Amino acid sequence: MIKAPILRVFSVMICLFMVLACGISSAPKYNVREPESCKLNFAVLSDSHIEGNNFARYKVFERSLQNLKKNESGHDAVVFLGDNTMNGQNIENMLFHGTVGMLLKDETVLPVVGNHDIGNGQGDYDTLRNRWYDYTYAFFGKELDTPYYYEVIDGCYFIVLGPEEQLVHEMYMTEAQYTWLEGVLDKAAGSGKPTFVFCHYPSDYMIDENEDETERLIDMLAAYNETNDLFYFCGHTHMPLFQFWSFHNFDGYPETYLPRLTELAGSGDNEIFERSGVGVEVEVYENEVVIRGRNFYTGEWLEDEDGPGGFCEVTYPLKNAFAE
């Protein structure tokens, strides 16, 4: 294990130079829809794919974090849905964790492990996984020994799932993780508040110990959502955020697919794709949860270009009013 102070010092030195090179954003401040009645709000970003030799990608990432900080209500949490780095290299982890630690130092950060964070099918899984743990502890204070964990924020359970083998297209969950998840859901059911589950992979990408597809996770979450309120967030697919595609409710619970945050049209600094910087803001009210698409790079709410018009967002009524 690399000592946390050493990781922080080297990472901050590198990231300070990178942040200064990106400049200061001129995007305006913004806020939740109803500040007086919002019970909880958090941001979700996915697939940053930070690379040590790709400044355009880093610039989108850094600028998006600058603009995310301009929410006048702040955030109860900021979630990064995995593939935060391209190959799990030390320099990539320094750039990702160092920049998040520097710009979001006052936020509760929940990192998720994706296939690229543990080598994307290459390298030693244990080494790359433990490297991720080292950086997560150094910058976010999370002393993990599994890629799955949970936190309770304002009474709501935030549950993070993670891969337990070095696969690319699917995620393997062990029996231990399923058992753990059942126990956490039992606790969450008594909270009277919505539950949020985060995973790099869509919930139908799970496989068992025989590498066969399984719907065990889907069945577990759907059963929970019959009487409770559960919301699942994932990335991995890199599909743009569209009203007709990104907000699924096919399996018995709402599932939001996040796009790649750093989507580039090319490798040059002037070839940033128009949908780069896209993530979501999640706002919880007494009787509903609102998920709003936002371009954090430009500092604008995302418009629904392929649907009924207006902004790209969805409102879910809650079965159970938010308990105080």
C-alpha atoms as a PDB file:
ATOM      1  CA  MET A   1       0.000   0.000   0.000  1.00  0.00           C
ATOM      2  CA  ILE A   2       1.322   3.444  -0.943  1.00  0.00           C
ATOM      3  CA  LYS A   3       1.180   5.919   1.940  1.00  0.00           C
ATOM      4  CA  ALA A   4      -1.807   8.270   1.614  1.00  0.00           C
ATOM      5  CA  PRO A   5       0.195  11.493   2.250  1.00  0.00           C
ATOM      6  CA  ILE A   6       2.610  10.600  -0.552  1.00  0.00           C
ATOM      7  CA  LEU A   7      -0.240   9.997  -2.979  1.00  0.00           C
ATOM      8  CA  ARG A   8      -1.869  13.288  -2.055  1.00  0.00           C
ATOM      9  CA  VAL A   9       1.308  15.370  -2.386  1.00  0.00           C
ATOM     10  CA  PHE A  10       2.298  14.052  -5.805  1.00  0.00           C
ATOM     11  CA  SER A  11      -1.261  14.122  -7.132  1.00  0.00           C
ATOM     12  CA  VAL A  12      -1.984  17.673  -5.973  1.00  0.00           C
ATOM     13  CA  MET A  13       1.262  18.952  -7.499  1.00  0.00           C
ATOM     14  CA  ILE A  14       0.358  17.469 -10.881  1.00  0.00           C
ATOM     15  CA  CYS A  15      -3.306  18.473 -10.745  1.00  0.00           C
ATOM     16  CA  LEU A  16      -2.610  22.045  -9.676  1.00  0.00           C
ATOM     17  CA  PHE A  17      -0.639  22.562 -12.878  1.00  0.00           C
ATOM     18  CA  MET A  18      -3.390  20.899 -14.958  1.00  0.00           C
ATOM     19  CA  VAL A  19      -6.190  22.913 -13.339  1.00  0.00           C
ATOM     20  CA  LEU A  20      -4.350  26.172 -13.962  1.00  0.00           C
ATOM     21  CA  ALA A  21      -3.836  25.182 -17.598  1.00  0.00           C
ATOM     22  CA  CYS A  22      -7.602  24.706 -18.028  1.00  0.00           C
ATOM     23  CA  GLY A  23      -8.476  28.227 -16.865  1.00  0.00           C
ATOM     24  CA  ILE A  24     -11.522  29.475 -15.007  1.00  0.00           C
ATOM     25  CA  SER A  25     -15.040  28.695 -16.193  1.00  0.00           C
ATOM     26  CA  SER A  26     -17.424  31.580 -16.916  1.00  0.00           C
ATOM     27  CA  ALA A  27     -20.570  29.426 -16.705  1.00  0.00           C
ATOM     28  CA  PRO A  28     -23.330  30.905 -14.512  1.00  0.00           C
ATOM     29  CA  LYS A  29     -24.543  29.520 -11.206  1.00  0.00           C
ATOM     30  CA  TYR A  30     -27.598  27.267 -11.152  1.00  0.00           C
ATOM     31  CA  ASN A  31     -29.858  25.611  -8.600  1.00  0.00           C
ATOM     32  CA  VAL A  32     -32.297  22.818  -7.930  1.00  0.00           C
ATOM     33  CA  ARG A  33     -35.810  23.331  -9.230  1.00  0.00           C
ATOM     34  CA  GLU A  34     -37.380  24.088  -5.813  1.00  0.00           C
ATOM     35  CA  PRO A  35     -34.688  25.000  -3.265  1.00  0.00           C
ATOM     36  CA  GLU A  36     -37.090  25.449  -0.374  1.00  0.00           C
ATOM     37  CA  SER A  37     -38.655  21.996  -0.673  1.00  0.00           C
ATOM     38  CA  CYS A  38     -35.764  19.887  -1.964  1.00  0.00           C
ATOM     39  CA  LYS A  39     -34.941  17.193   0.614  1.00  0.00           C
ATOM     40  CA  LEU A  40     -31.775  15.845  -0.982  1.00  0.00           C
ATOM     41  CA  ASN A  41     -29.818  16.404  -4.175  1.00  0.00           C
ATOM     42  CA  PHE A  42     -26.788  14.797  -5.763  1.00  0.00           C
ATOM     43  CA  ALA A  43     -24.950  14.679  -9.088  1.00  0.00           C
ATOM     44  CA  VAL A  44     -23.999  11.567 -11.066  1.00  0.00           C
ATOM     45  CA  LEU A  45     -21.214  11.441 -13.683  1.00  0.00           C
ATOM     46  CA  SER A  46     -19.821   8.426 -15.514  1.00  0.00           C
ATOM     47  CA  ASP A  47     -16.976   7.212 -17.704  1.00  0.00           C
ATOM     48  CA  SER A  48     -14.481  10.046 -17.323  1.00  0.00           C
ATOM     49  CA  HIS A  49     -11.761   7.859 -18.907  1.00  0.00           C
ATOM     50  CA  ILE A  50      -8.931  10.086 -17.705  1.00  0.00           C
ATOM     51  CA  GLU A  51      -5.695   9.525 -19.653  1.00  0.00           C
ATOM     52  CA  GLY A  52      -2.294  10.974 -18.913  1.00  0.00           C
ATOM     53  CA  ASN A  53      -1.712  12.006 -22.535  1.00  0.00           C
ATOM     54  CA  ASN A  54      -5.141  13.399 -23.456  1.00  0.00           C
ATOM     55  CA  PHE A  55      -5.519  17.030 -22.392  1.00  0.00           C
ATOM     56  CA  ALA A  56      -8.833  17.530 -24.238  1.00  0.00           C
ATOM     57  CA  ARG A  57     -10.439  14.768 -22.185  1.00  0.00           C
ATOM     58  CA  TYR A  58      -8.994  16.161 -18.981  1.00  0.00           C
ATOM     59  CA  LYS A  59     -10.203  19.659 -19.843  1.00  0.00           C
ATOM     60  CA  VAL A  60     -13.802  18.436 -20.221  1.00  0.00           C
ATOM     61  CA  PHE A  61     -13.513  16.645 -16.889  1.00  0.00           C
ATOM     62  CA  GLU A  62     -11.977  19.558 -15.007  1.00  0.00           C
ATOM     63  CA  ARG A  63     -14.359  22.140 -16.466  1.00  0.00           C
ATOM     64  CA  SER A  64     -17.352  19.908 -15.666  1.00  0.00           C
ATOM     65  CA  LEU A  65     -16.288  19.723 -12.027  1.00  0.00           C
ATOM     66  CA  GLN A  66     -15.784  23.499 -11.895  1.00  0.00           C
ATOM     67  CA  ASN A  67     -19.313  24.042 -13.165  1.00  0.00           C
ATOM     68  CA  LEU A  68     -20.816  21.336 -10.964  1.00  0.00           C
ATOM     69  CA  LYS A  69     -19.613  23.329  -7.960  1.00  0.00           C
ATOM     70  CA  LYS A  70     -21.825  26.223  -9.068  1.00  0.00           C
ATOM     71  CA  ASN A  71     -25.027  24.592  -7.823  1.00  0.00           C
ATOM     72  CA  GLU A  72     -26.143  27.135  -5.234  1.00  0.00           C
ATOM     73  CA  SER A  73     -27.700  24.394  -3.083  1.00  0.00           C
ATOM     74  CA  GLY A  74     -24.480  22.393  -3.106  1.00  0.00           C
ATOM     75  CA  HIS A  75     -24.672  18.604  -3.266  1.00  0.00           C
ATOM     76  CA  ASP A  76     -25.290  15.967  -0.648  1.00  0.00           C
ATOM     77  CA  ALA A  77     -23.133  13.658  -2.778  1.00  0.00           C
ATOM     78  CA  VAL A  78     -21.322  13.426  -6.107  1.00  0.00           C
ATOM     79  CA  VAL A  79     -21.175   9.934  -7.643  1.00  0.00           C
ATOM     80  CA  PHE A  80     -18.662   8.802 -10.274  1.00  0.00           C
ATOM     81  CA  LEU A  81     -19.990   5.662 -11.966  1.00  0.00           C
ATOM     82  CA  GLY A  82     -16.745   3.962 -12.932  1.00  0.00           C
ATOM     83  CA  ASP A  83     -14.277   3.946 -15.820  1.00  0.00           C
ATOM     84  CA  ASN A  84     -12.931   7.004 -14.099  1.00  0.00           C
ATOM     85  CA  THR A  85      -9.526   6.176 -15.590  1.00  0.00           C
ATOM     86  CA  MET A  86      -8.635   4.648 -18.940  1.00  0.00           C
ATOM     87  CA  ASN A  87      -6.237   1.919 -17.808  1.00  0.00           C
ATOM     88  CA  GLY A  88      -5.918   2.182 -14.026  1.00  0.00           C
ATOM     89  CA  GLN A  89      -2.408   3.649 -14.325  1.00  0.00           C
ATOM     90  CA  ASN A  90      -0.914   5.631 -11.454  1.00  0.00           C
ATOM     91  CA  ILE A  91      -0.801   8.888 -13.440  1.00  0.00           C
ATOM     92  CA  GLU A  92      -4.464   8.465 -14.410  1.00  0.00           C
ATOM     93  CA  ASN A  93      -5.465   7.820 -10.800  1.00  0.00           C
ATOM     94  CA  MET A  94      -3.463  10.862  -9.725  1.00  0.00           C
ATOM     95  CA  LEU A  95      -5.249  13.053 -12.255  1.00  0.00           C
ATOM     96  CA  PHE A  96      -8.714  11.734 -11.439  1.00  0.00           C
ATOM     97  CA  HIS A  97      -8.513  11.519  -7.660  1.00  0.00           C
ATOM     98  CA  GLY A  98      -6.326  14.586  -7.299  1.00  0.00           C
ATOM     99  CA  THR A  99      -8.630  16.797  -9.362  1.00  0.00           C
ATOM    100  CA  VAL A 100     -11.777  15.553  -7.628  1.00  0.00           C
ATOM    101  CA  GLY A 101     -10.119  15.954  -4.238  1.00  0.00           C
ATOM    102  CA  MET A 102      -9.018  19.487  -5.099  1.00  0.00           C
ATOM    103  CA  LEU A 103     -12.190  20.814  -6.740  1.00  0.00           C
ATOM    104  CA  LEU A 104     -14.802  18.884  -4.742  1.00  0.00           C
ATOM    105  CA  LYS A 105     -13.060  18.917  -1.372  1.00  0.00           C
ATOM    106  CA  ASP A 106     -16.266  19.955   0.404  1.00  0.00           C
ATOM    107  CA  GLU A 107     -18.449  17.302  -1.257  1.00  0.00           C
ATOM    108  CA  THR A 108     -19.198  13.717  -0.256  1.00  0.00           C
ATOM    109  CA  VAL A 109     -17.743  11.713  -3.145  1.00  0.00           C
ATOM    110  CA  LEU A 110     -18.833   8.159  -3.951  1.00  0.00           C
ATOM    111  CA  PRO A 111     -16.526   6.460  -6.473  1.00  0.00           C
ATOM    112  CA  VAL A 112     -17.552   3.308  -8.362  1.00  0.00           C
ATOM    113  CA  VAL A 113     -15.102   0.834  -9.915  1.00  0.00           C
ATOM    114  CA  GLY A 114     -15.452   0.206 -13.660  1.00  0.00           C
ATOM    115  CA  ASN A 115     -13.746  -2.271 -15.973  1.00  0.00           C
ATOM    116  CA  HIS A 116     -11.195   0.315 -17.166  1.00  0.00           C
ATOM    117  CA  ASP A 117     -10.219   1.164 -13.584  1.00  0.00           C
ATOM    118  CA  ILE A 118      -8.978  -2.410 -13.139  1.00  0.00           C
ATOM    119  CA  GLY A 119      -7.233  -2.764 -16.499  1.00  0.00           C
ATOM    120  CA  ASN A 120     -10.082  -3.465 -18.938  1.00  0.00           C
ATOM    121  CA  GLY A 121      -9.099  -7.113 -19.263  1.00  0.00           C
ATOM    122  CA  GLN A 122      -5.337  -6.550 -19.031  1.00  0.00           C
ATOM    123  CA  GLY A 123      -2.864  -6.466 -16.163  1.00  0.00           C
ATOM    124  CA  ASP A 124      -3.086  -7.958 -12.681  1.00  0.00           C
ATOM    125  CA  TYR A 125      -6.558  -7.570 -11.195  1.00  0.00           C
ATOM    126  CA  ASP A 126      -5.440  -7.616  -7.560  1.00  0.00           C
ATOM    127  CA  THR A 127      -2.743  -4.990  -8.139  1.00  0.00           C
ATOM    128  CA  LEU A 128      -5.065  -2.612  -9.993  1.00  0.00           C
ATOM    129  CA  ARG A 129      -7.919  -3.140  -7.544  1.00  0.00           C
ATOM    130  CA  ASN A 130      -5.649  -2.452  -4.565  1.00  0.00           C
ATOM    131  CA  ARG A 131      -4.293   0.629  -6.314  1.00  0.00           C
ATOM    132  CA  TRP A 132      -7.861   1.889  -6.597  1.00  0.00           C
ATOM    133  CA  TYR A 133      -8.372   1.246  -2.879  1.00  0.00           C
ATOM    134  CA  ASP A 134      -5.193   3.200  -2.061  1.00  0.00           C
ATOM    135  CA  TYR A 135      -6.337   6.291  -3.946  1.00  0.00           C
ATOM    136  CA  THR A 136      -9.905   6.057  -2.669  1.00  0.00           C
ATOM    137  CA  TYR A 137      -8.593   6.049   0.890  1.00  0.00           C
ATOM    138  CA  ALA A 138      -6.025   8.779   0.294  1.00  0.00           C
ATOM    139  CA  PHE A 139      -8.494  11.259  -1.204  1.00  0.00           C
ATOM    140  CA  PHE A 140     -11.960  10.283   0.019  1.00  0.00           C
ATOM    141  CA  GLY A 141     -11.159   8.585   3.316  1.00  0.00           C
ATOM    142  CA  LYS A 142     -12.876   5.333   2.320  1.00  0.00           C
ATOM    143  CA  GLU A 143     -10.942   2.347   3.664  1.00  0.00           C
ATOM    144  CA  LEU A 144     -12.315  -0.342   1.342  1.00  0.00           C
ATOM    145  CA  ASP A 145     -11.480  -4.025   1.035  1.00  0.00           C
ATOM    146  CA  THR A 146     -14.249  -4.817  -1.468  1.00  0.00           C
ATOM    147  CA  PRO A 147     -15.411  -2.959  -4.596  1.00  0.00           C
ATOM    148  CA  TYR A 148     -18.873  -2.672  -3.027  1.00  0.00           C
ATOM    149  CA  TYR A 149     -19.942  -0.551  -0.063  1.00  0.00           C
ATOM    150  CA  TYR A 150     -22.742   1.754   1.080  1.00  0.00           C
ATOM    151  CA  GLU A 151     -23.231   5.058   2.842  1.00  0.00           C
ATOM    152  CA  VAL A 152     -26.282   6.586   4.506  1.00  0.00           C
ATOM    153  CA  ILE A 153     -26.768  10.217   3.485  1.00  0.00           C
ATOM    154  CA  ASP A 154     -29.599  12.194   5.074  1.00  0.00           C
ATOM    155  CA  GLY A 155     -31.221   8.860   5.913  1.00  0.00           C
ATOM    156  CA  CYS A 156     -31.071   7.551   2.322  1.00  0.00           C
ATOM    157  CA  TYR A 157     -29.051   4.449   1.476  1.00  0.00           C
ATOM    158  CA  PHE A 158     -26.511   4.960  -1.306  1.00  0.00           C
ATOM    159  CA  ILE A 159     -25.411   1.468  -2.375  1.00  0.00           C
ATOM    160  CA  VAL A 160     -22.359   0.950  -4.602  1.00  0.00           C
ATOM    161  CA  LEU A 161     -21.875  -2.371  -6.435  1.00  0.00           C
ATOM    162  CA  GLY A 162     -18.579  -3.431  -7.984  1.00  0.00           C
ATOM    163  CA  PRO A 163     -16.886  -6.033 -10.238  1.00  0.00           C
ATOM    164  CA  GLU A 164     -15.095  -8.942  -8.588  1.00  0.00           C
ATOM    165  CA  GLU A 165     -13.243 -10.206 -11.651  1.00  0.00           C
ATOM    166  CA  GLN A 166     -11.357  -8.429 -14.400  1.00  0.00           C
ATOM    167  CA  LEU A 167     -13.938  -8.667 -17.168  1.00  0.00           C
ATOM    168  CA  VAL A 168     -14.741  -6.146 -19.900  1.00  0.00           C
ATOM    169  CA  HIS A 169     -18.325  -6.509 -21.079  1.00  0.00           C
ATOM    170  CA  GLU A 170     -20.041  -8.109 -18.074  1.00  0.00           C
ATOM    171  CA  MET A 171     -19.783  -7.883 -14.290  1.00  0.00           C
ATOM    172  CA  TYR A 172     -19.298 -10.854 -11.992  1.00  0.00           C
ATOM    173  CA  MET A 173     -20.894 -10.625  -8.551  1.00  0.00           C
ATOM    174  CA  THR A 174     -19.928 -13.212  -5.957  1.00  0.00           C
ATOM    175  CA  GLU A 175     -22.324 -14.871  -3.548  1.00  0.00           C
ATOM    176  CA  ALA A 176     -20.788 -12.718  -0.831  1.00  0.00           C
ATOM    177  CA  GLN A 177     -21.803  -9.514  -2.625  1.00  0.00           C
ATOM    178  CA  TYR A 178     -25.364 -10.755  -3.173  1.00  0.00           C
ATOM    179  CA  THR A 179     -25.672 -11.701   0.492  1.00  0.00           C
ATOM    180  CA  TRP A 180     -24.266  -8.333   1.524  1.00  0.00           C
ATOM    181  CA  LEU A 181     -26.704  -6.526  -0.784  1.00  0.00           C
ATOM    182  CA  GLU A 182     -29.676  -8.414   0.645  1.00  0.00           C
ATOM    183  CA  GLY A 183     -28.648  -7.308   4.116  1.00  0.00           C
ATOM    184  CA  VAL A 184     -28.239  -3.659   3.130  1.00  0.00           C
ATOM    185  CA  LEU A 185     -31.601  -3.623   1.357  1.00  0.00           C
ATOM    186  CA  ASP A 186     -33.220  -5.020   4.500  1.00  0.00           C
ATOM    187  CA  LYS A 187     -31.794  -2.087   6.433  1.00  0.00           C
ATOM    188  CA  ALA A 188     -32.822   0.419   3.767  1.00  0.00           C
ATOM    189  CA  ALA A 189     -36.399  -0.850   3.716  1.00  0.00           C
ATOM    190  CA  GLY A 190     -36.914   0.484   7.209  1.00  0.00           C
ATOM    191  CA  SER A 191     -35.738   4.003   6.403  1.00  0.00           C
ATOM    192  CA  GLY A 192     -38.969   5.188   4.753  1.00  0.00           C
ATOM    193  CA  LYS A 193     -36.809   6.967   2.170  1.00  0.00           C
ATOM    194  CA  PRO A 194     -35.764   6.229  -1.410  1.00  0.00           C
ATOM    195  CA  THR A 195     -32.774   3.945  -2.002  1.00  0.00           C
ATOM    196  CA  PHE A 196     -30.156   4.620  -4.681  1.00  0.00           C
ATOM    197  CA  VAL A 197     -28.021   1.879  -6.246  1.00  0.00           C
ATOM    198  CA  PHE A 198     -24.949   2.682  -8.326  1.00  0.00           C
ATOM    199  CA  CYS A 199     -23.006   0.332 -10.571  1.00  0.00           C
ATOM    200  CA  HIS A 200     -20.797   0.811 -13.601  1.00  0.00           C
ATOM    201  CA  TYR A 201     -22.729  -1.881 -15.469  1.00  0.00           C
ATOM    202  CA  PRO A 202     -26.416  -1.987 -16.417  1.00  0.00           C
ATOM    203  CA  SER A 203     -28.257  -4.446 -14.193  1.00  0.00           C
ATOM    204  CA  ASP A 204     -28.762  -6.963 -17.011  1.00  0.00           C
ATOM    205  CA  TYR A 205     -24.994  -7.277 -17.612  1.00  0.00           C
ATOM    206  CA  MET A 206     -24.438  -9.588 -14.622  1.00  0.00           C
ATOM    207  CA  ILE A 207     -22.969 -13.085 -14.879  1.00  0.00           C
ATOM    208  CA  ASP A 208     -22.570 -15.913 -12.352  1.00  0.00           C
ATOM    209  CA  GLU A 209     -19.583 -18.067 -11.431  1.00  0.00           C
ATOM    210  CA  ASN A 210     -20.089 -20.112 -14.609  1.00  0.00           C
ATOM    211  CA  GLU A 211     -19.983 -16.932 -16.712  1.00  0.00           C
ATOM    212  CA  ASP A 212     -23.650 -17.363 -17.581  1.00  0.00           C
ATOM    213  CA  GLU A 213     -26.043 -14.427 -17.671  1.00  0.00           C
ATOM    214  CA  THR A 214     -28.189 -14.139 -14.571  1.00  0.00           C
ATOM    215  CA  GLU A 215     -31.207 -12.018 -13.625  1.00  0.00           C
ATOM    216  CA  ARG A 216     -30.649 -12.481  -9.929  1.00  0.00           C
ATOM    217  CA  LEU A 217     -29.796  -8.833  -9.354  1.00  0.00           C
ATOM    218  CA  ILE A 218     -32.783  -7.665 -11.404  1.00  0.00           C
ATOM    219  CA  ASP A 219     -35.142  -9.928  -9.445  1.00  0.00           C
ATOM    220  CA  MET A 220     -33.753  -8.721  -6.121  1.00  0.00           C
ATOM    221  CA  LEU A 221     -34.076  -5.028  -6.979  1.00  0.00           C
ATOM    222  CA  ALA A 222     -37.518  -5.438  -8.555  1.00  0.00           C
ATOM    223  CA  ALA A 223     -38.835  -7.240  -5.480  1.00  0.00           C
ATOM    224  CA  TYR A 224     -37.517  -4.466  -3.252  1.00  0.00           C
ATOM    225  CA  ASN A 225     -39.089  -1.778  -5.442  1.00  0.00           C
ATOM    226  CA  GLU A 226     -42.554  -3.334  -5.206  1.00  0.00           C
ATOM    227  CA  THR A 227     -43.140  -1.691  -1.829  1.00  0.00           C
ATOM    228  CA  ASN A 228     -40.100   0.615  -1.519  1.00  0.00           C
ATOM    229  CA  ASP A 229     -38.576   3.242  -3.808  1.00  0.00           C
ATOM    230  CA  LEU A 230     -35.378   2.195  -5.580  1.00  0.00           C
ATOM    231  CA  PHE A 231     -33.397   3.949  -8.327  1.00  0.00           C
ATOM    232  CA  TYR A 232     -30.510   2.342 -10.244  1.00  0.00           C
ATOM    233  CA  PHE A 233     -27.776   4.314 -12.038  1.00  0.00           C
ATOM    234  CA  CYS A 234     -25.219   2.869 -14.448  1.00  0.00           C
ATOM    235  CA  GLY A 235     -22.770   3.809 -17.201  1.00  0.00           C
ATOM    236  CA  HIS A 236     -20.545   1.603 -19.388  1.00  0.00           C
ATOM    237  CA  THR A 237     -22.573   1.768 -22.633  1.00  0.00           C
ATOM    238  CA  HIS A 238     -21.410   5.312 -23.608  1.00  0.00           C
ATOM    239  CA  MET A 239     -24.833   5.979 -25.138  1.00  0.00           C
ATOM    240  CA  PRO A 240     -25.776   9.698 -25.185  1.00  0.00           C
ATOM    241  CA  LEU A 241     -28.354  10.903 -22.690  1.00  0.00           C
ATOM    242  CA  PHE A 242     -31.678  10.899 -24.534  1.00  0.00           C
ATOM    243  CA  GLN A 243     -35.193  11.009 -23.102  1.00  0.00           C
ATOM    244  CA  PHE A 244     -36.333   7.935 -25.045  1.00  0.00           C
ATOM    245  CA  TRP A 245     -33.273   5.796 -24.231  1.00  0.00           C
ATOM    246  CA  SER A 246     -31.617   6.735 -20.976  1.00  0.00           C
ATOM    247  CA  PHE A 247     -34.488   6.396 -18.507  1.00  0.00           C
ATOM    248  CA  HIS A 248     -35.559   2.740 -18.418  1.00  0.00           C
ATOM    249  CA  ASN A 249     -38.239   1.066 -16.328  1.00  0.00           C
ATOM    250  CA  PHE A 250     -38.255  -2.317 -18.058  1.00  0.00           C
ATOM    251  CA  ASP A 251     -37.321  -4.523 -15.109  1.00  0.00           C
ATOM    252  CA  GLY A 252     -39.490  -3.239 -12.299  1.00  0.00           C
ATOM    253  CA  TYR A 253     -37.476  -0.214 -11.139  1.00  0.00           C
ATOM    254  CA  PRO A 254     -36.163   3.023 -12.704  1.00  0.00           C
ATOM    255  CA  GLU A 255     -32.719   2.619 -14.274  1.00  0.00           C
ATOM    256  CA  THR A 256     -30.790   5.631 -15.594  1.00  0.00           C
ATOM    257  CA  TYR A 257     -28.020   5.088 -18.157  1.00  0.00           C
ATOM    258  CA  LEU A 258     -25.302   7.733 -17.977  1.00  0.00           C
ATOM    259  CA  PRO A 259     -23.169   8.640 -21.046  1.00  0.00           C
ATOM    260  CA  ARG A 260     -19.404   9.025 -21.244  1.00  0.00           C
ATOM    261  CA  LEU A 261     -18.599  12.341 -19.592  1.00  0.00           C
ATOM    262  CA  THR A 262     -15.576  12.991 -21.798  1.00  0.00           C
ATOM    263  CA  GLU A 263     -17.009  12.144 -25.216  1.00  0.00           C
ATOM    264  CA  LEU A 264     -14.624  13.540 -27.819  1.00  0.00           C
ATOM    265  CA  ALA A 265     -15.089  13.952 -31.566  1.00  0.00           C
ATOM    266  CA  GLY A 266     -11.327  13.696 -31.994  1.00  0.00           C
ATOM    267  CA  SER A 267      -8.106  14.023 -30.065  1.00  0.00           C
ATOM    268  CA  GLY A 268      -7.498  17.748 -30.493  1.00  0.00           C
ATOM    269  CA  ASP A 269      -8.363  20.435 -27.972  1.00  0.00           C
ATOM    270  CA  ASN A 270     -10.863  21.988 -30.402  1.00  0.00           C
ATOM    271  CA  GLU A 271     -12.683  18.736 -31.151  1.00  0.00           C
ATOM    272  CA  ILE A 272     -14.768  18.400 -28.024  1.00  0.00           C
ATOM    273  CA  PHE A 273     -18.061  16.706 -28.864  1.00  0.00           C
ATOM    274  CA  GLU A 274     -21.189  18.796 -28.302  1.00  0.00           C
ATOM    275  CA  ARG A 275     -22.497  16.290 -25.735  1.00  0.00           C
ATOM    276  CA  SER A 276     -19.266  16.128 -23.763  1.00  0.00           C
ATOM    277  CA  GLY A 277     -19.705  16.917 -20.093  1.00  0.00           C
ATOM    278  CA  VAL A 278     -23.179  15.368 -19.738  1.00  0.00           C
ATOM    279  CA  GLY A 279     -24.390  13.898 -16.457  1.00  0.00           C
ATOM    280  CA  VAL A 280     -27.469  14.208 -14.253  1.00  0.00           C
ATOM    281  CA  GLU A 281     -28.652  16.100 -11.218  1.00  0.00           C
ATOM    282  CA  VAL A 282     -30.983  14.119  -8.957  1.00  0.00           C
ATOM    283  CA  GLU A 283     -33.419  16.057  -6.782  1.00  0.00           C
ATOM    284  CA  VAL A 284     -35.520  14.387  -4.083  1.00  0.00           C
ATOM    285  CA  TYR A 285     -38.739  16.004  -2.921  1.00  0.00           C
ATOM    286  CA  GLU A 286     -41.401  14.848  -0.481  1.00  0.00           C
ATOM    287  CA  ASN A 287     -43.408  12.934  -3.080  1.00  0.00           C
ATOM    288  CA  GLU A 288     -41.165  12.609  -6.131  1.00  0.00           C
ATOM    289  CA  VAL A 289     -37.639  12.200  -7.478  1.00  0.00           C
ATOM    290  CA  VAL A 290     -36.589  14.356 -10.431  1.00  0.00           C
ATOM    291  CA  ILE A 291     -33.617  13.343 -12.610  1.00  0.00           C
ATOM    292  CA  ARG A 292     -32.399  16.212 -14.795  1.00  0.00           C
ATOM    293  CA  GLY A 293     -29.887  15.928 -17.631  1.00  0.00           C
ATOM    294  CA  ARG A 294     -27.211  18.610 -17.480  1.00  0.00           C
ATOM    295  CA  ASN A 295     -24.222  19.515 -19.616  1.00  0.00           C
ATOM    296  CA  PHE A 296     -21.725  20.308 -16.905  1.00  0.00           C
ATOM    297  CA  TYR A 297     -19.063  21.332 -19.419  1.00  0.00           C
ATOM    298  CA  THR A 298     -21.146  24.178 -20.854  1.00  0.00           C
ATOM    299  CA  GLY A 299     -23.126  24.790 -17.669  1.00  0.00           C
ATOM    300  CA  GLU A 300     -26.556  24.286 -19.273  1.00  0.00           C
ATOM    301  CA  TRP A 301     -29.547  22.037 -18.726  1.00  0.00           C
ATOM    302  CA  LEU A 302     -29.661  19.409 -21.450  1.00  0.00           C
ATOM    303  CA  GLU A 303     -32.377  19.784 -24.065  1.00  0.00           C
ATOM    304  CA  ASP A 304     -34.381  16.773 -25.234  1.00  0.00           C
ATOM    305  CA  GLU A 305     -33.570  16.711 -28.936  1.00  0.00           C
ATOM    306  CA  ASP A 306     -35.244  13.408 -29.830  1.00  0.00           C
ATOM    307  CA  GLY A 307     -38.427  13.460 -27.788  1.00  0.00           C
ATOM    308  CA  PRO A 308     -41.375  15.711 -27.014  1.00  0.00           C
ATOM    309  CA  GLY A 309     -39.176  18.764 -26.588  1.00  0.00           C
ATOM    310  CA  GLY A 310     -38.196  20.745 -23.534  1.00  0.00           C
ATOM    311  CA  PHE A 311     -35.419  19.540 -21.264  1.00  0.00           C
ATOM    312  CA  CYS A 312     -34.123  15.998 -20.948  1.00  0.00           C
ATOM    313  CA  GLU A 313     -35.502  15.014 -17.558  1.00  0.00           C
ATOM    314  CA  VAL A 314     -37.933  12.643 -15.898  1.00  0.00           C
ATOM    315  CA  THR A 315     -40.064  12.759 -12.739  1.00  0.00           C
ATOM    316  CA  TYR A 316     -40.833   9.631 -10.695  1.00  0.00           C
ATOM    317  CA  PRO A 317     -43.625   9.715  -8.087  1.00  0.00           C
ATOM    318  CA  LEU A 318     -42.628   8.121  -4.794  1.00  0.00           C
ATOM    319  CA  LYS A 319     -44.669   5.285  -3.309  1.00  0.00           C
ATOM    320  CA  ASN A 320     -43.680   6.443   0.148  1.00  0.00           C
ATOM    321  CA  ALA A 321     -43.543  10.109   1.083  1.00  0.00           C
ATOM    322  CA  PHE A 322     -40.045  11.178   2.154  1.00  0.00           C
ATOM    323  CA  ALA A 323     -39.937  10.516   5.876  1.00  0.00           C
ATOM    324  CA  GLU A 324     -38.516  13.269   8.066  1.00  0.00           C
END
